[in-house]
Amino acid sequence: MNPFAFLLNWYNVPFTAALGLSSILAIIQLVGGFGDSDADADVDADADVDADSDSGPTGHSASAGGVQLLAALGFGKLPFLLVLAALLASLGAIGLLVNSLLDATLGVYPSLLFIGVLLVALLLAIPLTRIISAGLSRLAPQSSTAVTFEQLVGRAGIVVSPTVSATYGQVSVRDIHGSLHTVFAVIEQGDPIPAQSEVALLAYDTSQRRFVVRPLRR
């Protein structure tokens, strides 16, 4: 089969599109600066945990697990667009490989197999993305302006998620060099802190990969 025709078969279009989009995102990020961390962990996962004030232990576990999964993929270590590009590339490559094997083995592609292939591609794309992100983080240029998460402790930031609660939140903070970082954050107790509030970063939890913050009173 003509390779171009194969890529445009209906069951391959989602994976071909994922590869194409990953290339575009990678180019955008590389042109803008490979090591730029302004968009670190800038993930719009707010809606899933916005009901955190009354979600209970189950909600806490789910949101904490979600943050850990995002961190495992490489968010926070690499720019958001680069990690997303790696995820899409992994999904596209795995999907096309599995479909090509099915085509070669069966000679015809059963429509019912598509959902199964999509699920397999999604499951395998997660560990592959983690491997790619780890490799890219080692290749990322190290500069004298690089800072660790611990070096952000004691600085002030702005809440950029709908709230920061005991289970989830995002805060935008500048380091000593003026670079902007978006980090995961929680409070120890009390009412959730609303968006656009100014907060102080009190501590960094290395196991959960998130900061403990409190509101700044003026």
N, C-alpha and C. Protein backbone atom coordinates (compact mmCIF):
# COMPACT_ATOMS: atom_id res chain seq x y z
N MET A 1 0.84 -1.21 0.00
CA MET A 1 0.00 0.00 0.00
C MET A 1 0.87 1.25 0.00
N ASN A 2 0.42 2.24 -0.74
CA ASN A 2 1.11 3.52 -0.75
C ASN A 2 1.16 4.10 0.66
N PRO A 3 2.37 4.46 1.16
CA PRO A 3 2.48 4.97 2.54
C PRO A 3 1.58 6.17 2.80
N PHE A 4 1.46 7.06 1.82
CA PHE A 4 0.62 8.25 2.00
C PHE A 4 -0.84 7.85 2.14
N ALA A 5 -1.28 6.90 1.32
CA ALA A 5 -2.67 6.42 1.41
C ALA A 5 -2.92 5.73 2.74
N PHE A 6 -1.91 4.99 3.23
CA PHE A 6 -2.04 4.31 4.51
C PHE A 6 -2.25 5.31 5.65
N LEU A 7 -1.48 6.40 5.63
CA LEU A 7 -1.60 7.41 6.69
C LEU A 7 -2.95 8.10 6.70
N LEU A 8 -3.61 8.12 5.52
CA LEU A 8 -4.89 8.83 5.41
C LEU A 8 -6.10 7.92 5.53
N ASN A 9 -5.86 6.62 5.80
CA ASN A 9 -7.00 5.75 6.08
C ASN A 9 -7.71 6.25 7.33
N TRP A 10 -9.02 6.08 7.41
CA TRP A 10 -9.81 6.67 8.49
C TRP A 10 -9.30 6.24 9.87
N TYR A 11 -8.84 4.99 9.98
CA TYR A 11 -8.39 4.51 11.28
C TYR A 11 -6.99 5.00 11.64
N ASN A 12 -6.30 5.60 10.69
CA ASN A 12 -4.97 6.15 10.95
C ASN A 12 -4.97 7.67 11.10
N VAL A 13 -6.03 8.33 10.64
CA VAL A 13 -6.07 9.79 10.66
C VAL A 13 -5.82 10.38 12.05
N PRO A 14 -6.44 9.86 13.12
CA PRO A 14 -6.17 10.44 14.45
C PRO A 14 -4.70 10.35 14.84
N PHE A 15 -4.05 9.24 14.50
CA PHE A 15 -2.64 9.07 14.86
C PHE A 15 -1.73 9.91 13.97
N THR A 16 -2.09 10.01 12.70
CA THR A 16 -1.33 10.88 11.80
C THR A 16 -1.43 12.34 12.24
N ALA A 17 -2.66 12.74 12.63
CA ALA A 17 -2.86 14.11 13.11
C ALA A 17 -2.08 14.37 14.38
N ALA A 18 -2.02 13.37 15.27
CA ALA A 18 -1.26 13.52 16.52
C ALA A 18 0.22 13.74 16.22
N LEU A 19 0.76 12.99 15.27
CA LEU A 19 2.16 13.16 14.89
C LEU A 19 2.41 14.54 14.28
N GLY A 20 1.49 14.97 13.42
CA GLY A 20 1.63 16.29 12.80
C GLY A 20 1.58 17.41 13.83
N LEU A 21 0.63 17.32 14.75
CA LEU A 21 0.50 18.35 15.79
C LEU A 21 1.72 18.36 16.71
N SER A 22 2.25 17.17 17.00
CA SER A 22 3.43 17.10 17.86
C SER A 22 4.62 17.80 17.21
N SER A 23 4.74 17.66 15.90
CA SER A 23 5.83 18.32 15.18
C SER A 23 5.69 19.84 15.25
N ILE A 24 4.45 20.32 15.08
CA ILE A 24 4.20 21.76 15.14
C ILE A 24 4.53 22.31 16.53
N LEU A 25 4.07 21.61 17.57
CA LEU A 25 4.32 22.06 18.95
C LEU A 25 5.80 22.05 19.27
N ALA A 26 6.51 21.02 18.80
CA ALA A 26 7.95 20.93 19.07
C ALA A 26 8.69 22.08 18.39
N ILE A 27 8.30 22.40 17.17
CA ILE A 27 8.94 23.51 16.45
C ILE A 27 8.68 24.83 17.16
N ILE A 28 7.43 25.04 17.60
CA ILE A 28 7.09 26.27 18.31
C ILE A 28 7.94 26.41 19.58
N GLN A 29 8.06 25.32 20.33
CA GLN A 29 8.83 25.37 21.57
C GLN A 29 10.32 25.57 21.31
N LEU A 30 10.86 24.88 20.31
CA LEU A 30 12.28 24.98 20.02
C LEU A 30 12.64 26.37 19.51
N VAL A 31 11.75 26.96 18.71
CA VAL A 31 11.99 28.33 18.22
C VAL A 31 11.93 29.31 19.38
N GLY A 32 10.99 29.06 20.32
CA GLY A 32 10.84 29.97 21.46
C GLY A 32 11.88 29.79 22.53
N GLY A 33 12.60 28.67 22.51
CA GLY A 33 13.63 28.43 23.52
C GLY A 33 13.43 27.09 24.18
N PHE A 34 14.37 26.18 23.98
CA PHE A 34 14.26 24.81 24.47
C PHE A 34 14.16 24.75 25.98
N GLY A 35 14.90 25.59 26.65
CA GLY A 35 14.93 25.48 28.11
C GLY A 35 14.00 26.42 28.82
N ASP A 36 13.14 27.12 28.11
CA ASP A 36 12.24 28.09 28.73
C ASP A 36 11.23 27.37 29.61
N SER A 37 11.17 27.73 30.89
CA SER A 37 10.27 27.03 31.82
C SER A 37 9.05 27.85 32.18
N ASP A 38 8.76 28.89 31.40
CA ASP A 38 7.63 29.75 31.75
C ASP A 38 6.32 28.99 31.80
N ALA A 39 6.20 27.95 31.02
CA ALA A 39 4.94 27.22 30.98
C ALA A 39 5.03 25.89 31.71
N ASP A 40 6.01 25.72 32.58
CA ASP A 40 6.15 24.47 33.32
C ASP A 40 4.85 24.12 34.02
N ALA A 41 4.38 22.90 33.76
CA ALA A 41 3.21 22.36 34.46
C ALA A 41 1.98 23.22 34.31
N ASP A 42 1.89 23.98 33.21
CA ASP A 42 0.76 24.87 33.00
C ASP A 42 -0.37 24.06 32.39
N VAL A 43 -0.98 23.21 33.18
CA VAL A 43 -1.97 22.27 32.69
C VAL A 43 -3.34 22.66 33.21
N ASP A 44 -4.33 22.70 32.32
CA ASP A 44 -5.67 23.11 32.74
C ASP A 44 -6.44 21.91 33.25
N ALA A 45 -6.10 21.48 34.49
CA ALA A 45 -6.78 20.34 35.11
C ALA A 45 -7.72 20.83 36.20
N ASP A 46 -8.06 22.10 36.18
CA ASP A 46 -8.81 22.72 37.27
C ASP A 46 -10.19 22.11 37.46
N ALA A 47 -10.89 21.84 36.36
CA ALA A 47 -12.29 21.46 36.47
C ALA A 47 -12.49 20.18 37.25
N ASP A 48 -11.53 19.24 37.14
CA ASP A 48 -11.69 17.95 37.79
C ASP A 48 -11.61 18.03 39.30
N VAL A 49 -11.00 19.08 39.85
CA VAL A 49 -10.80 19.13 41.29
C VAL A 49 -11.32 20.42 41.89
N ASP A 50 -12.19 21.11 41.19
CA ASP A 50 -12.68 22.39 41.67
C ASP A 50 -13.61 22.23 42.86
N ALA A 51 -14.14 21.00 43.06
CA ALA A 51 -15.03 20.77 44.18
C ALA A 51 -14.27 20.20 45.37
N ASP A 52 -12.99 20.60 45.51
CA ASP A 52 -12.12 19.99 46.48
C ASP A 52 -12.52 20.27 47.92
N SER A 53 -13.19 21.35 48.21
CA SER A 53 -13.49 21.68 49.59
C SER A 53 -14.41 20.66 50.24
N ASP A 54 -15.20 19.90 49.42
CA ASP A 54 -16.07 18.89 50.01
C ASP A 54 -15.90 17.55 49.33
N SER A 55 -14.71 17.31 48.77
CA SER A 55 -14.52 16.09 48.02
C SER A 55 -14.13 14.93 48.91
N GLY A 56 -13.60 15.18 50.11
CA GLY A 56 -13.26 14.11 51.03
C GLY A 56 -12.01 13.39 50.61
N PRO A 57 -11.70 12.26 51.30
CA PRO A 57 -10.48 11.53 51.05
C PRO A 57 -10.37 11.03 49.63
N THR A 58 -11.49 10.60 49.02
CA THR A 58 -11.43 10.09 47.66
C THR A 58 -11.00 11.17 46.69
N GLY A 59 -11.57 12.37 46.84
CA GLY A 59 -11.19 13.49 45.98
C GLY A 59 -9.74 13.85 46.17
N HIS A 60 -9.28 13.80 47.42
CA HIS A 60 -7.88 14.12 47.71
C HIS A 60 -6.95 13.14 47.01
N SER A 61 -7.27 11.85 47.07
CA SER A 61 -6.42 10.84 46.45
C SER A 61 -6.41 11.00 44.94
N ALA A 62 -7.59 11.28 44.37
CA ALA A 62 -7.66 11.40 42.92
C ALA A 62 -6.87 12.59 42.42
N SER A 63 -7.01 13.75 43.09
CA SER A 63 -6.30 14.94 42.64
C SER A 63 -4.80 14.80 42.84
N ALA A 64 -4.39 14.22 43.99
CA ALA A 64 -2.97 14.01 44.24
C ALA A 64 -2.38 13.06 43.22
N GLY A 65 -3.15 12.00 42.88
CA GLY A 65 -2.68 11.06 41.87
C GLY A 65 -2.54 11.71 40.51
N GLY A 66 -3.49 12.62 40.19
CA GLY A 66 -3.41 13.33 38.91
C GLY A 66 -2.17 14.20 38.82
N VAL A 67 -1.85 14.90 39.90
CA VAL A 67 -0.65 15.74 39.92
C VAL A 67 0.60 14.90 39.76
N GLN A 68 0.62 13.73 40.45
CA GLN A 68 1.78 12.86 40.35
C GLN A 68 1.94 12.30 38.94
N LEU A 69 0.82 11.99 38.28
CA LEU A 69 0.89 11.49 36.91
C LEU A 69 1.45 12.55 35.98
N LEU A 70 0.97 13.79 36.12
CA LEU A 70 1.48 14.87 35.28
C LEU A 70 2.96 15.10 35.51
N ALA A 71 3.37 15.05 36.77
CA ALA A 71 4.78 15.23 37.08
C ALA A 71 5.62 14.09 36.50
N ALA A 72 5.06 12.87 36.54
CA ALA A 72 5.78 11.71 36.01
C ALA A 72 5.98 11.83 34.50
N LEU A 73 5.03 12.45 33.82
CA LEU A 73 5.15 12.64 32.37
C LEU A 73 6.24 13.64 32.02
N GLY A 74 6.60 14.49 32.98
CA GLY A 74 7.66 15.46 32.71
C GLY A 74 7.25 16.89 32.91
N PHE A 75 5.96 17.13 33.22
CA PHE A 75 5.52 18.50 33.48
C PHE A 75 6.23 19.01 34.73
N GLY A 76 6.80 20.19 34.63
CA GLY A 76 7.57 20.75 35.73
C GLY A 76 9.06 20.60 35.50
N LYS A 77 9.45 19.62 34.65
CA LYS A 77 10.86 19.45 34.31
C LYS A 77 11.17 20.00 32.92
N LEU A 78 10.17 19.96 32.05
CA LEU A 78 10.29 20.47 30.69
C LEU A 78 9.14 21.42 30.41
N PRO A 79 9.29 22.30 29.42
CA PRO A 79 8.18 23.17 29.04
C PRO A 79 6.94 22.37 28.65
N PHE A 80 5.79 22.91 28.94
CA PHE A 80 4.52 22.23 28.69
C PHE A 80 4.38 21.77 27.25
N LEU A 81 4.69 22.64 26.29
CA LEU A 81 4.52 22.28 24.88
C LEU A 81 5.40 21.11 24.48
N LEU A 82 6.59 21.03 25.05
CA LEU A 82 7.51 19.96 24.69
C LEU A 82 7.02 18.62 25.22
N VAL A 83 6.49 18.61 26.44
CA VAL A 83 5.94 17.36 26.99
C VAL A 83 4.70 16.94 26.21
N LEU A 84 3.86 17.90 25.88
CA LEU A 84 2.66 17.60 25.10
C LEU A 84 3.03 17.05 23.73
N ALA A 85 4.07 17.62 23.11
CA ALA A 85 4.54 17.14 21.81
C ALA A 85 5.02 15.69 21.92
N ALA A 86 5.73 15.38 23.01
CA ALA A 86 6.22 14.01 23.22
C ALA A 86 5.06 13.04 23.40
N LEU A 87 4.02 13.47 24.14
CA LEU A 87 2.86 12.62 24.36
C LEU A 87 2.12 12.34 23.05
N LEU A 88 1.91 13.38 22.25
CA LEU A 88 1.22 13.21 20.97
C LEU A 88 2.03 12.37 20.00
N ALA A 89 3.35 12.58 19.99
CA ALA A 89 4.21 11.79 19.11
C ALA A 89 4.17 10.32 19.50
N SER A 90 4.19 10.05 20.81
CA SER A 90 4.13 8.66 21.29
C SER A 90 2.81 8.02 20.89
N LEU A 91 1.72 8.74 21.11
CA LEU A 91 0.40 8.23 20.76
C LEU A 91 0.31 7.94 19.26
N GLY A 92 0.75 8.88 18.44
CA GLY A 92 0.67 8.72 17.00
C GLY A 92 1.52 7.57 16.50
N ALA A 93 2.75 7.49 16.98
CA ALA A 93 3.67 6.45 16.51
C ALA A 93 3.19 5.06 16.90
N ILE A 94 2.74 4.90 18.14
CA ILE A 94 2.26 3.59 18.59
C ILE A 94 1.02 3.18 17.83
N GLY A 95 0.08 4.12 17.65
CA GLY A 95 -1.15 3.80 16.92
C GLY A 95 -0.88 3.38 15.49
N LEU A 96 0.00 4.08 14.80
CA LEU A 96 0.33 3.73 13.42
C LEU A 96 1.05 2.39 13.33
N LEU A 97 1.94 2.14 14.30
CA LEU A 97 2.65 0.86 14.29
C LEU A 97 1.70 -0.31 14.49
N VAL A 98 0.81 -0.20 15.47
CA VAL A 98 -0.15 -1.28 15.72
C VAL A 98 -1.06 -1.48 14.52
N ASN A 99 -1.53 -0.40 13.91
CA ASN A 99 -2.42 -0.52 12.75
C ASN A 99 -1.70 -1.13 11.56
N SER A 100 -0.43 -0.79 11.39
CA SER A 100 0.31 -1.37 10.27
C SER A 100 0.49 -2.88 10.46
N LEU A 101 0.71 -3.31 11.71
CA LEU A 101 0.83 -4.74 11.99
C LEU A 101 -0.49 -5.47 11.75
N LEU A 102 -1.59 -4.82 12.14
CA LEU A 102 -2.90 -5.43 11.90
C LEU A 102 -3.20 -5.53 10.42
N ASP A 103 -2.87 -4.49 9.67
CA ASP A 103 -3.08 -4.51 8.23
C ASP A 103 -2.29 -5.63 7.57
N ALA A 104 -1.03 -5.76 8.00
CA ALA A 104 -0.16 -6.78 7.40
C ALA A 104 -0.61 -8.19 7.77
N THR A 105 -1.14 -8.33 8.98
CA THR A 105 -1.54 -9.66 9.46
C THR A 105 -2.91 -10.09 8.95
N LEU A 106 -3.87 -9.16 9.00
CA LEU A 106 -5.25 -9.51 8.66
C LEU A 106 -5.61 -9.23 7.21
N GLY A 107 -4.91 -8.30 6.59
CA GLY A 107 -5.21 -7.94 5.21
C GLY A 107 -6.37 -6.97 5.10
N VAL A 108 -7.17 -6.88 6.13
CA VAL A 108 -8.29 -5.94 6.16
C VAL A 108 -8.41 -5.45 7.60
N TYR A 109 -8.87 -4.22 7.77
CA TYR A 109 -8.92 -3.64 9.12
C TYR A 109 -10.35 -3.68 9.66
N PRO A 110 -10.61 -4.52 10.67
CA PRO A 110 -11.95 -4.56 11.27
C PRO A 110 -12.24 -3.28 12.04
N SER A 111 -13.34 -2.66 11.77
CA SER A 111 -13.68 -1.39 12.40
C SER A 111 -13.73 -1.48 13.92
N LEU A 112 -14.17 -2.63 14.45
CA LEU A 112 -14.31 -2.78 15.89
C LEU A 112 -12.96 -2.75 16.62
N LEU A 113 -11.87 -2.97 15.89
CA LEU A 113 -10.57 -2.98 16.53
C LEU A 113 -10.05 -1.58 16.84
N PHE A 114 -10.64 -0.57 16.23
CA PHE A 114 -10.10 0.78 16.36
C PHE A 114 -10.07 1.26 17.81
N ILE A 115 -11.18 1.04 18.54
CA ILE A 115 -11.23 1.48 19.94
C ILE A 115 -10.15 0.78 20.75
N GLY A 116 -9.96 -0.50 20.51
CA GLY A 116 -8.92 -1.23 21.22
C GLY A 116 -7.53 -0.70 20.93
N VAL A 117 -7.28 -0.40 19.66
CA VAL A 117 -5.98 0.15 19.27
C VAL A 117 -5.77 1.51 19.94
N LEU A 118 -6.80 2.33 19.96
CA LEU A 118 -6.71 3.65 20.58
C LEU A 118 -6.38 3.53 22.07
N LEU A 119 -7.03 2.61 22.76
CA LEU A 119 -6.77 2.42 24.20
C LEU A 119 -5.35 1.92 24.44
N VAL A 120 -4.91 0.98 23.62
CA VAL A 120 -3.54 0.46 23.75
C VAL A 120 -2.53 1.57 23.52
N ALA A 121 -2.78 2.38 22.48
CA ALA A 121 -1.86 3.48 22.17
C ALA A 121 -1.79 4.48 23.32
N LEU A 122 -2.94 4.78 23.91
CA LEU A 122 -2.97 5.72 25.04
C LEU A 122 -2.20 5.18 26.24
N LEU A 123 -2.40 3.90 26.54
CA LEU A 123 -1.73 3.29 27.70
C LEU A 123 -0.22 3.22 27.50
N LEU A 124 0.21 2.86 26.30
CA LEU A 124 1.65 2.74 26.04
C LEU A 124 2.31 4.10 25.86
N ALA A 125 1.52 5.11 25.46
CA ALA A 125 2.10 6.44 25.24
C ALA A 125 2.56 7.09 26.54
N ILE A 126 1.93 6.73 27.66
CA ILE A 126 2.29 7.35 28.94
C ILE A 126 3.72 6.98 29.37
N PRO A 127 4.06 5.68 29.44
CA PRO A 127 5.46 5.38 29.82
C PRO A 127 6.47 5.83 28.77
N LEU A 128 6.08 5.77 27.49
CA LEU A 128 7.00 6.22 26.44
C LEU A 128 7.26 7.72 26.55
N THR A 129 6.22 8.49 26.86
CA THR A 129 6.39 9.93 27.05
C THR A 129 7.31 10.21 28.22
N ARG A 130 7.17 9.43 29.28
CA ARG A 130 8.03 9.60 30.45
C ARG A 130 9.49 9.38 30.08
N ILE A 131 9.76 8.36 29.27
CA ILE A 131 11.13 8.07 28.85
C ILE A 131 11.67 9.20 27.97
N ILE A 132 10.85 9.66 27.02
CA ILE A 132 11.28 10.74 26.13
C ILE A 132 11.54 12.02 26.92
N SER A 133 10.64 12.35 27.86
CA SER A 133 10.81 13.56 28.66
C SER A 133 12.08 13.50 29.50
N ALA A 134 12.35 12.31 30.05
CA ALA A 134 13.57 12.16 30.85
C ALA A 134 14.80 12.40 30.00
N GLY A 135 14.78 11.88 28.76
CA GLY A 135 15.91 12.08 27.87
C GLY A 135 16.07 13.54 27.47
N LEU A 136 14.94 14.20 27.16
CA LEU A 136 15.00 15.60 26.76
C LEU A 136 15.45 16.50 27.90
N SER A 137 15.04 16.15 29.14
CA SER A 137 15.44 16.98 30.28
C SER A 137 16.95 16.94 30.48
N ARG A 138 17.58 15.81 30.13
CA ARG A 138 19.04 15.73 30.24
C ARG A 138 19.73 16.50 29.14
N LEU A 139 19.04 16.65 28.00
CA LEU A 139 19.61 17.39 26.88
C LEU A 139 19.38 18.90 26.99
N ALA A 140 18.40 19.28 27.81
CA ALA A 140 18.06 20.70 27.94
C ALA A 140 19.27 21.47 28.45
N PRO A 141 19.53 22.63 27.85
CA PRO A 141 20.70 23.42 28.27
C PRO A 141 20.57 23.86 29.71
N GLN A 142 21.65 23.70 30.47
CA GLN A 142 21.69 24.15 31.85
C GLN A 142 22.38 25.51 31.90
N SER A 143 21.76 26.46 32.56
CA SER A 143 22.32 27.81 32.62
C SER A 143 22.44 28.24 34.06
N SER A 144 23.15 29.32 34.26
CA SER A 144 23.37 29.83 35.61
C SER A 144 22.10 30.41 36.21
N THR A 145 21.07 30.59 35.36
CA THR A 145 19.82 31.16 35.85
C THR A 145 18.82 30.06 36.26
N ALA A 146 19.21 28.79 36.12
CA ALA A 146 18.31 27.70 36.49
C ALA A 146 18.14 27.67 38.01
N VAL A 147 16.93 27.39 38.45
CA VAL A 147 16.65 27.32 39.88
C VAL A 147 15.94 26.01 40.18
N THR A 148 16.06 25.57 41.43
CA THR A 148 15.34 24.39 41.88
C THR A 148 14.01 24.82 42.49
N PHE A 149 13.11 23.87 42.68
CA PHE A 149 11.83 24.19 43.32
C PHE A 149 12.05 24.73 44.73
N GLU A 150 13.02 24.15 45.43
CA GLU A 150 13.28 24.59 46.80
C GLU A 150 13.68 26.06 46.86
N GLN A 151 14.30 26.56 45.79
CA GLN A 151 14.72 27.96 45.76
C GLN A 151 13.54 28.92 45.58
N LEU A 152 12.37 28.38 45.26
CA LEU A 152 11.18 29.23 45.15
C LEU A 152 10.47 29.41 46.50
N VAL A 153 10.86 28.58 47.48
CA VAL A 153 10.26 28.70 48.81
C VAL A 153 10.59 30.08 49.40
N GLY A 154 9.56 30.72 49.97
CA GLY A 154 9.73 32.04 50.54
C GLY A 154 9.34 33.17 49.61
N ARG A 155 9.08 32.82 48.33
CA ARG A 155 8.70 33.86 47.38
C ARG A 155 7.17 34.01 47.33
N ALA A 156 6.72 35.11 46.79
CA ALA A 156 5.28 35.37 46.65
C ALA A 156 4.83 35.01 45.24
N GLY A 157 3.59 34.53 45.15
CA GLY A 157 3.04 34.17 43.85
C GLY A 157 1.57 34.55 43.75
N ILE A 158 0.99 34.27 42.60
CA ILE A 158 -0.42 34.58 42.33
C ILE A 158 -1.15 33.30 41.97
N VAL A 159 -2.32 33.09 42.58
CA VAL A 159 -3.14 31.91 42.28
C VAL A 159 -3.69 32.03 40.86
N VAL A 160 -3.43 31.04 40.02
CA VAL A 160 -3.89 31.07 38.63
C VAL A 160 -4.94 30.00 38.34
N SER A 161 -5.20 29.11 39.30
CA SER A 161 -6.30 28.16 39.16
C SER A 161 -7.54 28.77 39.83
N PRO A 162 -8.72 28.18 39.63
CA PRO A 162 -9.92 28.75 40.27
C PRO A 162 -9.77 28.93 41.77
N THR A 163 -9.09 27.97 42.42
CA THR A 163 -8.79 28.08 43.85
C THR A 163 -7.51 27.29 44.13
N VAL A 164 -6.96 27.53 45.33
CA VAL A 164 -5.95 26.64 45.90
C VAL A 164 -6.56 26.08 47.17
N SER A 165 -6.67 24.76 47.24
CA SER A 165 -7.31 24.12 48.39
C SER A 165 -6.32 23.14 49.02
N ALA A 166 -6.83 22.29 49.89
CA ALA A 166 -5.99 21.29 50.55
C ALA A 166 -5.62 20.15 49.61
N THR A 167 -6.25 20.11 48.43
CA THR A 167 -5.98 19.01 47.49
C THR A 167 -5.35 19.45 46.18
N TYR A 168 -5.60 20.68 45.76
CA TYR A 168 -5.09 21.08 44.44
C TYR A 168 -5.09 22.60 44.27
N GLY A 169 -4.16 23.05 43.47
CA GLY A 169 -4.12 24.46 43.08
C GLY A 169 -2.90 24.72 42.21
N GLN A 170 -2.89 25.86 41.54
CA GLN A 170 -1.76 26.27 40.74
C GLN A 170 -1.43 27.72 41.06
N VAL A 171 -0.14 27.98 41.17
CA VAL A 171 0.35 29.32 41.51
C VAL A 171 1.42 29.73 40.52
N SER A 172 1.37 30.96 40.08
CA SER A 172 2.39 31.53 39.21
C SER A 172 3.36 32.33 40.07
N VAL A 173 4.66 32.04 39.92
CA VAL A 173 5.67 32.68 40.76
C VAL A 173 6.92 32.97 39.94
N ARG A 174 7.57 34.09 40.23
CA ARG A 174 8.82 34.43 39.55
C ARG A 174 10.01 34.08 40.44
N ASP A 175 11.06 33.54 39.83
CA ASP A 175 12.26 33.23 40.60
C ASP A 175 13.14 34.47 40.74
N ILE A 176 14.31 34.31 41.32
CA ILE A 176 15.19 35.46 41.57
C ILE A 176 15.71 36.09 40.29
N HIS A 177 15.61 35.35 39.18
CA HIS A 177 16.07 35.88 37.90
C HIS A 177 14.93 36.52 37.10
N GLY A 178 13.71 36.45 37.63
CA GLY A 178 12.57 37.04 36.94
C GLY A 178 11.83 36.09 36.03
N SER A 179 12.29 34.83 35.93
CA SER A 179 11.59 33.84 35.10
C SER A 179 10.31 33.40 35.79
N LEU A 180 9.25 33.24 34.99
CA LEU A 180 7.94 32.89 35.53
C LEU A 180 7.73 31.39 35.50
N HIS A 181 7.26 30.83 36.62
CA HIS A 181 6.97 29.40 36.74
C HIS A 181 5.53 29.22 37.22
N THR A 182 4.86 28.21 36.68
CA THR A 182 3.55 27.84 37.19
C THR A 182 3.69 26.51 37.90
N VAL A 183 3.37 26.48 39.20
CA VAL A 183 3.65 25.30 40.03
C VAL A 183 2.37 24.82 40.71
N PHE A 184 2.38 23.55 41.08
CA PHE A 184 1.26 22.99 41.84
C PHE A 184 1.38 23.42 43.30
N ALA A 185 0.24 23.65 43.95
CA ALA A 185 0.26 24.14 45.33
C ALA A 185 -1.00 23.71 46.07
N VAL A 186 -0.88 23.62 47.40
CA VAL A 186 -2.02 23.31 48.27
C VAL A 186 -1.90 24.16 49.53
N ILE A 187 -2.98 24.21 50.32
CA ILE A 187 -2.94 24.84 51.63
C ILE A 187 -3.00 23.75 52.69
N GLU A 188 -2.53 24.06 53.89
CA GLU A 188 -2.56 23.08 54.97
C GLU A 188 -3.94 22.99 55.61
N GLN A 189 -4.63 24.12 55.73
CA GLN A 189 -5.94 24.13 56.35
C GLN A 189 -6.64 25.43 55.98
N GLY A 190 -7.93 25.51 56.34
CA GLY A 190 -8.69 26.73 56.08
C GLY A 190 -9.45 26.69 54.77
N ASP A 191 -10.06 27.81 54.45
CA ASP A 191 -10.86 27.93 53.23
C ASP A 191 -9.96 28.01 52.01
N PRO A 192 -10.44 27.51 50.86
CA PRO A 192 -9.68 27.63 49.62
C PRO A 192 -9.36 29.09 49.31
N ILE A 193 -8.20 29.31 48.73
CA ILE A 193 -7.78 30.66 48.34
C ILE A 193 -8.23 30.91 46.91
N PRO A 194 -8.98 31.98 46.66
CA PRO A 194 -9.51 32.21 45.31
C PRO A 194 -8.46 32.66 44.30
N ALA A 195 -8.83 32.59 43.04
CA ALA A 195 -7.95 32.99 41.94
C ALA A 195 -7.51 34.45 42.08
N GLN A 196 -6.30 34.72 41.61
CA GLN A 196 -5.70 36.05 41.60
C GLN A 196 -5.28 36.55 42.98
N SER A 197 -5.41 35.69 43.99
CA SER A 197 -4.93 36.08 45.32
C SER A 197 -3.42 35.94 45.38
N GLU A 198 -2.80 36.80 46.20
CA GLU A 198 -1.35 36.70 46.38
C GLU A 198 -1.06 35.75 47.54
N VAL A 199 -0.11 34.85 47.33
CA VAL A 199 0.21 33.86 48.34
C VAL A 199 1.72 33.79 48.56
N ALA A 200 2.10 33.25 49.71
CA ALA A 200 3.51 33.00 50.00
C ALA A 200 3.77 31.50 49.90
N LEU A 201 4.86 31.12 49.27
CA LEU A 201 5.24 29.72 49.16
C LEU A 201 6.03 29.34 50.40
N LEU A 202 5.42 28.54 51.29
CA LEU A 202 6.00 28.24 52.59
C LEU A 202 6.97 27.08 52.56
N ALA A 203 6.65 26.05 51.77
CA ALA A 203 7.48 24.84 51.77
C ALA A 203 7.23 24.07 50.48
N TYR A 204 8.16 23.17 50.17
CA TYR A 204 8.00 22.33 48.98
C TYR A 204 7.98 20.86 49.40
N ASP A 205 6.92 20.15 49.03
CA ASP A 205 6.76 18.74 49.34
C ASP A 205 7.34 17.92 48.18
N THR A 206 8.53 17.36 48.37
CA THR A 206 9.19 16.64 47.27
C THR A 206 8.46 15.36 46.89
N SER A 207 7.81 14.70 47.85
CA SER A 207 7.11 13.46 47.53
C SER A 207 5.88 13.71 46.68
N GLN A 208 5.15 14.79 46.95
CA GLN A 208 3.95 15.14 46.19
C GLN A 208 4.23 16.10 45.05
N ARG A 209 5.44 16.66 45.05
CA ARG A 209 5.87 17.62 44.01
C ARG A 209 4.94 18.82 43.95
N ARG A 210 4.71 19.42 45.09
CA ARG A 210 3.85 20.59 45.15
C ARG A 210 4.25 21.45 46.35
N PHE A 211 3.84 22.73 46.30
CA PHE A 211 4.17 23.68 47.36
C PHE A 211 3.03 23.80 48.35
N VAL A 212 3.38 24.15 49.57
CA VAL A 212 2.39 24.53 50.58
C VAL A 212 2.39 26.05 50.63
N VAL A 213 1.22 26.67 50.50
CA VAL A 213 1.14 28.12 50.45
C VAL A 213 0.13 28.64 51.46
N ARG A 214 0.23 29.93 51.73
CA ARG A 214 -0.78 30.61 52.57
C ARG A 214 -1.02 31.98 51.96
N PRO A 215 -2.20 32.54 52.19
CA PRO A 215 -2.50 33.87 51.61
C PRO A 215 -1.66 34.94 52.27
N LEU A 216 -1.29 35.94 51.49
CA LEU A 216 -0.58 37.10 52.01
C LEU A 216 -1.61 38.15 52.39
N ARG A 217 -1.58 38.58 53.62
CA ARG A 217 -2.50 39.61 54.08
C ARG A 217 -1.85 40.96 53.99
N ARG A 218 -2.55 41.94 53.47
CA ARG A 218 -2.01 43.30 53.36
C ARG A 218 -2.78 44.23 54.27
